[in-house]
Amino acid sequence: MKKINRVTLLSFLSLVILRAFNAPALADGGYNPYGPHIPEDTGIADAKIFIIIAIVVYTAGLVLIATSKFLKKKAE
């Protein structure tokens, strides 16, 4: 048996075995002395400006890399 087939088979078998002995943990039943979890509003979940700035910075980085490669090739 090839090594890749053996690795694939062992990976698949380990996942099957782990899944067979995995019991689901439900967090919505039984006695709970604490109140429900209410997440704090951080402002990032609905911040479209954050996404726009990230895209602009990423694009600027790509342009910087392309420009430096172009100038290096031109200088040689």
Protein backbone atom coordinates (compact mmCIF):
# COMPACT_ATOMS: atom_id res chain seq x y z
CA MET A 1 0.00 0.00 0.00
CA LYS A 2 1.36 3.40 -0.91
CA LYS A 3 2.29 5.79 1.86
CA ILE A 4 -0.27 8.43 0.82
CA ASN A 5 -3.06 5.86 0.77
CA ARG A 6 -2.02 4.69 4.24
CA VAL A 7 -2.01 8.26 5.60
CA THR A 8 -5.43 8.94 4.06
CA LEU A 9 -6.84 5.71 5.46
CA LEU A 10 -5.47 6.40 8.95
CA SER A 11 -6.84 9.93 8.89
CA PHE A 12 -10.25 8.73 7.84
CA LEU A 13 -10.30 5.95 10.44
CA SER A 14 -9.24 8.32 13.21
CA LEU A 15 -12.03 10.73 12.28
CA VAL A 16 -14.58 7.90 12.25
CA ILE A 17 -13.41 6.62 15.64
CA LEU A 18 -13.43 10.10 17.18
CA ARG A 19 -16.90 10.76 15.78
CA ALA A 20 -18.23 7.42 17.05
CA PHE A 21 -17.29 8.18 20.67
CA ASN A 22 -18.20 11.86 20.60
CA ALA A 23 -21.33 12.72 22.56
CA PRO A 24 -22.98 16.07 21.83
CA ALA A 25 -22.82 18.65 24.61
CA LEU A 26 -26.01 20.66 24.72
CA ALA A 27 -25.81 23.94 26.58
CA ASP A 28 -29.51 24.80 26.64
CA GLY A 29 -30.88 22.37 29.19
CA GLY A 30 -30.79 21.70 32.89
CA TYR A 31 -30.21 23.96 35.87
CA ASN A 32 -28.12 27.07 35.30
CA PRO A 33 -27.53 29.52 38.16
CA TYR A 34 -26.21 32.18 35.78
CA GLY A 35 -28.11 34.42 33.44
CA PRO A 36 -27.89 34.20 29.67
CA HIS A 37 -24.77 35.44 27.95
CA ILE A 38 -25.26 38.86 26.40
CA PRO A 39 -22.28 39.78 24.21
CA GLU A 40 -20.81 43.25 24.52
CA ASP A 41 -21.09 45.47 21.47
CA THR A 42 -17.57 46.08 20.19
CA GLY A 43 -18.58 48.00 17.09
CA ILE A 44 -16.48 45.80 14.80
CA ALA A 45 -19.34 43.54 13.73
CA ASP A 46 -21.03 46.30 11.75
CA ALA A 47 -18.00 48.44 10.90
CA LYS A 48 -17.95 48.65 7.12
CA ILE A 49 -15.20 51.28 7.28
CA PHE A 50 -12.89 48.65 8.80
CA ILE A 51 -13.40 46.38 5.79
CA ILE A 52 -12.89 49.25 3.35
CA ILE A 53 -9.63 50.31 5.06
CA ALA A 54 -8.41 46.69 5.08
CA ILE A 55 -9.03 46.35 1.34
CA VAL A 56 -7.30 49.66 0.62
CA VAL A 57 -4.25 48.76 2.72
CA TYR A 58 -4.03 45.30 1.13
CA THR A 59 -4.24 46.78 -2.37
CA ALA A 60 -1.65 49.42 -1.49
CA GLY A 61 0.68 46.67 -0.27
CA LEU A 62 0.29 44.76 -3.52
CA VAL A 63 0.98 47.92 -5.51
CA LEU A 64 4.07 48.61 -3.40
CA ILE A 65 5.41 45.11 -4.02
CA ALA A 66 4.70 45.31 -7.76
CA THR A 67 6.35 48.75 -7.99
CA SER A 68 9.45 47.60 -6.13
CA LYS A 69 9.79 44.54 -8.40
CA PHE A 70 9.37 46.75 -11.49
CA LEU A 71 11.97 49.25 -10.29
CA LYS A 72 14.40 46.48 -9.37
CA LYS A 73 14.06 44.90 -12.82
CA LYS A 74 14.45 48.30 -14.47
CA ALA A 75 17.59 49.09 -12.43
CA GLU A 76 19.36 45.89 -13.47
